[in-house]
Protein backbone atom coordinates (compact mmCIF):
# COMPACT_ATOMS: atom_id res chain seq x y z
CA MET A 1 90.57 133.51 89.27
CA ALA A 2 90.20 134.19 85.75
CA ARG A 3 87.17 132.79 84.08
CA SER A 4 89.31 130.76 81.72
CA GLU A 5 91.34 129.05 84.62
CA THR A 6 88.11 128.82 86.92
CA ALA A 7 86.74 127.06 83.90
CA THR A 8 89.68 124.48 83.07
CA ARG A 9 89.87 123.60 87.43
CA VAL A 10 85.81 122.72 86.99
CA ALA A 11 86.71 120.62 83.52
CA VAL A 12 89.55 118.84 85.20
CA ALA A 13 87.40 118.61 88.37
CA ALA A 14 84.47 116.76 86.32
CA VAL A 15 86.56 114.15 85.25
CA GLY A 16 88.55 113.04 88.31
CA ILE A 17 85.94 113.31 90.77
CA PRO A 18 83.73 110.11 89.05
CA ILE A 19 87.01 108.15 88.66
CA ALA A 20 88.09 108.83 92.30
CA VAL A 21 84.27 108.00 93.51
CA ALA A 22 84.05 104.87 91.13
CA ALA A 23 87.39 103.33 92.69
CA MET A 24 86.62 104.41 96.21
CA TYR A 25 83.69 102.51 95.63
CA LEU A 26 85.36 99.64 94.67
CA GLY A 27 87.92 99.09 96.71
CA GLY A 28 90.15 96.95 96.95
CA TRP A 29 93.08 96.76 94.03
CA VAL A 30 91.12 98.92 92.11
CA LEU A 31 91.58 101.95 94.90
CA ALA A 32 95.27 100.64 95.86
CA ALA A 33 95.80 100.84 92.14
CA LEU A 34 95.03 104.33 91.80
CA LEU A 35 96.47 105.23 95.52
CA ALA A 36 99.73 104.09 94.49
CA LEU A 37 99.42 105.99 90.90
CA CYS A 38 99.27 109.34 92.78
CA ALA A 39 101.54 108.55 95.51
CA VAL A 40 104.21 108.01 92.63
CA LEU A 41 103.23 111.33 90.63
CA SER A 42 103.90 112.70 94.19
CA THR A 43 107.00 111.30 95.13
CA ARG A 44 108.74 112.73 91.68
CA GLU A 45 107.26 115.85 92.33
CA LEU A 46 108.88 116.24 95.71
CA PHE A 47 112.00 114.85 93.93
CA ARG A 48 112.09 117.62 91.59
CA MET A 49 111.49 120.15 94.10
CA ALA A 50 114.01 118.90 96.20
CA GLU A 51 116.69 118.91 93.30
CA LEU A 52 116.01 122.77 93.37
CA LYS A 53 117.62 122.76 96.61
CA ARG A 54 120.52 120.17 95.30
CA ALA A 55 118.84 117.41 97.25
CA PHE A 56 119.01 114.31 94.74
CA GLY A 57 116.80 111.81 95.82
CA LEU A 58 116.88 108.17 94.74
CA ALA A 59 113.82 108.23 91.95
CA VAL A 60 113.71 104.28 91.80
CA VAL A 61 113.81 103.56 95.21
CA GLY A 62 111.63 106.18 96.17
CA MET A 63 108.82 105.70 93.49
CA LEU A 64 108.79 101.83 93.99
CA GLY A 65 108.95 102.27 97.67
CA ALA A 66 105.72 104.97 97.44
CA ALA A 67 103.61 102.26 95.41
CA GLY A 68 104.72 99.25 97.52
CA LEU A 69 103.70 100.37 100.85
CA ILE A 70 100.14 101.17 99.33
CA LEU A 71 100.15 97.72 97.68
CA LEU A 72 101.31 96.23 100.87
CA ALA A 73 98.39 97.87 102.67
CA ALA A 74 96.21 96.64 100.20
CA ILE A 75 96.86 92.96 100.69
CA ASP A 76 94.59 92.72 104.02
CA PRO A 77 93.28 96.37 104.58
CA ALA A 78 91.05 95.69 107.19
CA ARG A 79 93.94 94.79 109.40
CA GLY A 80 94.90 99.02 108.61
CA VAL A 81 98.46 99.39 110.86
CA ASP A 82 98.38 96.30 112.24
CA THR A 83 100.02 94.20 109.79
CA PRO A 84 103.71 93.56 110.14
CA LEU A 85 104.06 93.72 105.90
CA LEU A 86 104.43 97.68 106.67
CA PHE A 87 107.25 97.60 108.88
CA SER A 88 108.62 95.39 106.37
CA GLY A 89 108.25 97.51 103.65
CA VAL A 90 109.53 101.00 105.48
CA ALA A 91 112.83 98.66 106.68
CA ALA A 92 113.25 97.55 102.91
CA ILE A 93 113.15 101.21 101.69
CA ILE A 94 115.61 102.30 104.32
CA LEU A 95 118.18 99.65 103.65
CA ALA A 96 117.60 100.02 99.94
CA ALA A 97 117.88 103.45 99.79
CA LEU A 98 121.32 103.08 101.88
CA THR A 99 122.63 100.32 99.50
CA ALA A 100 122.16 102.33 96.41
CA ALA A 101 123.55 105.48 97.37
CA ILE A 102 126.78 103.74 98.14
CA TRP A 103 127.04 103.17 94.18
CA GLN A 104 125.06 106.13 93.09
CA ARG A 105 125.67 108.87 95.34
CA GLY A 106 129.10 107.95 97.28
CA VAL A 107 130.54 110.58 99.42
CA ALA A 108 130.96 113.27 96.79
CA GLY A 109 127.23 112.83 96.19
CA GLU A 110 125.85 113.91 99.43
CA PRO A 111 124.45 110.36 100.86
CA LEU A 112 122.81 111.68 104.26
CA LEU A 113 120.41 114.25 102.10
CA SER A 114 120.01 111.92 99.47
CA VAL A 115 118.64 108.85 101.61
CA ALA A 116 116.95 111.52 103.51
CA VAL A 117 114.94 112.76 100.88
CA THR A 118 114.66 109.34 99.09
CA ILE A 119 112.91 107.89 102.78
CA MET A 120 110.76 111.24 102.70
CA GLY A 121 109.76 110.47 98.88
CA ALA A 122 108.45 107.32 99.55
CA VAL A 123 106.91 106.90 102.76
CA TYR A 124 104.73 110.93 103.03
CA PRO A 125 103.22 110.30 99.64
CA ALA A 126 102.24 106.43 101.17
CA LEU A 127 100.59 108.25 103.65
CA LEU A 128 97.51 107.50 101.42
CA MET A 129 97.10 104.34 102.26
CA PHE A 130 94.88 105.36 104.67
CA ALA A 131 92.36 105.79 102.26
CA LEU A 132 92.56 102.00 101.49
CA PHE A 133 92.03 101.44 105.45
CA LEU A 134 89.17 103.58 105.83
CA ARG A 135 87.65 101.66 103.04
CA HIS A 136 88.19 98.55 104.41
CA LEU A 137 87.26 99.32 107.99
CA PRO A 138 86.10 96.17 109.86
CA GLY A 139 82.34 95.58 110.09
CA VAL A 140 81.99 97.58 106.97
CA THR A 141 78.56 96.29 105.23
CA GLY A 142 79.04 96.87 101.77
CA ASN A 143 80.64 99.00 99.19
CA LEU A 144 78.67 101.73 99.62
CA HIS A 145 79.06 101.40 103.25
CA GLY A 146 82.61 101.57 102.57
CA THR A 147 82.14 104.56 100.18
CA ALA A 148 80.33 106.63 102.75
CA ILE A 149 83.24 106.05 104.88
CA LEU A 150 85.56 106.93 103.02
CA LEU A 151 84.23 109.90 101.62
CA PHE A 152 83.16 111.40 105.35
CA PRO A 153 87.05 113.02 105.69
CA VAL A 154 87.64 113.27 101.92
CA VAL A 155 84.45 115.74 101.65
CA LEU A 156 85.60 117.28 104.76
CA THR A 157 89.15 118.20 103.76
CA TRP A 158 87.89 119.62 100.69
CA LEU A 159 85.10 121.42 102.31
CA SER A 160 87.64 123.07 104.95
CA ASP A 161 89.59 124.48 102.13
CA THR A 162 86.55 125.70 100.29
CA TYR A 163 84.93 127.40 103.73
CA ALA A 164 88.52 129.02 104.36
CA TYR A 165 89.01 130.47 100.61
CA PHE A 166 85.51 132.38 100.88
CA ALA A 167 85.60 133.17 104.42
CA GLY A 168 89.51 134.37 103.52
CA ARG A 169 87.47 136.45 100.77
CA LEU A 170 84.63 138.03 102.46
CA TRP A 171 86.48 138.68 105.69
CA GLY A 172 90.26 138.32 105.73
CA LYS A 173 93.14 140.87 106.36
CA ARG A 174 94.90 139.60 108.75
CA LYS A 175 97.13 137.19 107.50
CA LEU A 176 97.69 133.76 108.89
CA ILE A 177 101.48 133.11 108.23
CA PRO A 178 102.29 135.08 105.61
CA ARG A 179 105.66 133.94 105.35
CA VAL A 180 104.78 130.66 104.83
CA SER A 181 101.33 131.09 102.84
CA PRO A 182 100.71 134.41 102.57
CA GLY A 183 97.30 134.32 100.88
CA LYS A 184 95.96 132.56 104.06
CA THR A 185 94.03 134.67 106.82
CA VAL A 186 92.81 134.19 110.19
CA ALA A 187 89.59 134.74 109.00
CA GLY A 188 90.02 131.70 106.54
CA ALA A 189 91.16 129.75 109.17
CA LEU A 190 88.36 130.23 111.96
CA GLY A 191 85.71 130.23 108.92
CA ALA A 192 86.98 126.76 108.30
CA VAL A 193 86.95 125.24 112.16
CA ILE A 194 83.67 126.79 112.28
CA GLY A 195 82.02 125.23 109.10
CA THR A 196 83.78 122.26 109.12
CA PRO A 197 82.31 120.36 112.15
CA ILE A 198 78.75 121.74 111.41
CA THR A 199 79.03 119.71 108.15
CA ALA A 200 80.65 117.04 109.93
CA VAL A 201 77.69 116.51 112.42
CA GLY A 202 75.04 116.88 108.93
CA TYR A 203 77.59 113.79 107.69
CA SER A 204 76.62 111.89 110.62
CA PHE A 205 72.93 111.45 109.68
CA LEU A 206 74.37 109.75 106.30
CA LEU A 207 76.32 107.25 108.38
CA ALA A 208 73.40 106.66 110.60
CA LEU A 209 71.54 104.87 107.84
CA PHE A 210 74.38 101.97 107.97
CA PRO A 211 74.51 99.19 110.40
CA THR A 212 77.58 100.00 112.15
CA TRP A 213 80.51 103.21 112.88
CA HIS A 214 77.92 105.46 113.44
CA VAL A 215 79.21 108.79 114.62
CA GLY A 216 77.47 110.97 117.62
CA ILE A 217 76.50 114.55 117.46
CA VAL A 218 79.69 115.50 119.54
CA GLU A 219 81.95 112.85 118.05
CA ALA A 220 80.97 114.60 114.42
CA ALA A 221 81.89 117.60 115.60
CA VAL A 222 85.01 116.82 116.98
CA PHE A 223 85.76 114.98 114.03
CA GLY A 224 85.50 117.68 111.78
CA LEU A 225 87.39 120.27 113.91
CA LEU A 226 90.05 117.85 114.02
CA ILE A 227 90.06 117.18 110.31
CA SER A 228 89.93 120.93 109.41
CA LEU A 229 92.90 121.87 111.63
CA ALA A 230 95.04 118.43 110.17
CA ALA A 231 93.99 119.68 106.69
CA GLN A 232 95.02 123.65 107.15
CA VAL A 233 98.90 122.21 108.34
CA GLY A 234 98.46 119.78 105.90
CA ASP A 235 98.52 122.44 103.32
CA LEU A 236 100.91 124.75 105.07
CA ALA A 237 103.56 121.86 105.18
CA GLU A 238 103.57 121.39 101.02
CA SER A 239 103.81 125.54 101.49
CA LEU A 240 106.47 125.77 103.30
CA LEU A 241 108.14 123.00 101.19
CA LYS A 242 107.38 125.14 98.04
CA ARG A 243 108.45 128.47 99.60
CA ASP A 244 111.65 126.34 100.64
CA VAL A 245 112.59 125.71 96.90
CA GLY A 246 110.70 129.27 95.42
CA VAL A 247 108.18 127.35 93.12
CA LYS A 248 103.95 128.21 92.94
CA ASP A 249 103.01 124.82 92.34
CA SER A 250 104.43 121.04 92.83
CA GLY A 251 103.84 120.90 89.22
CA ARG A 252 101.55 121.00 86.51
CA LEU A 253 99.87 117.43 86.33
CA LEU A 254 96.07 118.65 86.58
CA PRO A 255 95.47 122.36 84.63
CA GLY A 256 94.16 124.80 86.80
CA HIS A 257 95.26 122.52 89.95
CA GLY A 258 99.12 122.42 90.17
CA GLY A 259 100.60 119.13 90.81
CA ALA A 260 99.67 116.24 92.87
CA LEU A 261 101.39 117.45 95.47
CA ASP A 262 98.88 120.34 95.50
CA ARG A 263 96.22 118.17 95.48
CA PHE A 264 97.03 115.84 98.16
CA ASP A 265 99.02 117.31 100.47
CA SER A 266 96.00 118.00 103.20
CA LEU A 267 94.92 114.38 102.74
CA PHE A 268 98.25 113.30 103.68
CA PHE A 269 97.09 114.49 107.52
CA THR A 270 93.60 113.74 106.94
CA LEU A 271 93.31 110.37 106.14
CA PRO A 272 95.48 109.10 109.08
CA VAL A 273 94.13 111.49 111.72
CA ALA A 274 90.80 110.45 110.30
CA TYR A 275 91.42 106.78 110.83
CA GLY A 276 92.53 106.81 114.41
CA PHE A 277 89.84 109.01 115.31
CA LEU A 278 87.37 106.24 114.12
CA MET A 279 89.53 103.30 115.72
CA LEU A 280 90.07 104.98 118.81
CA LEU A 281 86.61 106.39 119.85
CA VAL A 282 84.34 105.28 117.48
CA TYR A 283 85.15 101.45 116.92
CA ARG A 284 82.71 99.45 119.34
């Protein structure tokens, strides 16, 4: 990576990370607004990618749907997935997409493909709503506690990618899935699944400082392994989509980082996995 590109990536991160952490700390509607914005930008990029395959999503329905699902989740985030509002929101997106396709696409406008892309474009980026659920888990005792829990999978996701990068650079010879992502190696994947659980165990001692949501050493190690696997699959899934349409990055939103989808592809997978793990195996 060129020095100028590295400096650009660092500069963007230096601005973006404090904003993200501040939103996590404040939680509620502030975090929801940031997540909704990220989801809308991701939906927009997904639609632009789909257009390269002559699949034209219904932009208004998709972007409003993605933002709407996150805002519905923000009404009572402590309930998590246990809220009928989310199911109603998904149903509304499906009905709106089908209805809009009648007039905007017609028989000649590939309506089936258009509706499918629209629904995916709304629901896939809206998976960021799980950040809200993690930030407001039942029993969270305050802003700092909620931030620490949410950062658990976020930090592990970022470090999994970092471990994979450096392990691949040092020992990577055999490609993992070259037709999907030629830069990823078996050594990189192994470095991530080894390093991330170790980091998760260390992070569990930080969570032990709070009165609830303690994670044991074995639980933390398993959590780290699952997060690393989910992060790598999420990255590969987006690489698959980009390969299909022949682009290197999903967009140019963030200089040196690519588009919104490039930044959040792993989180679309790791945040739901983290929420499911904590609720099923840690919640007391």
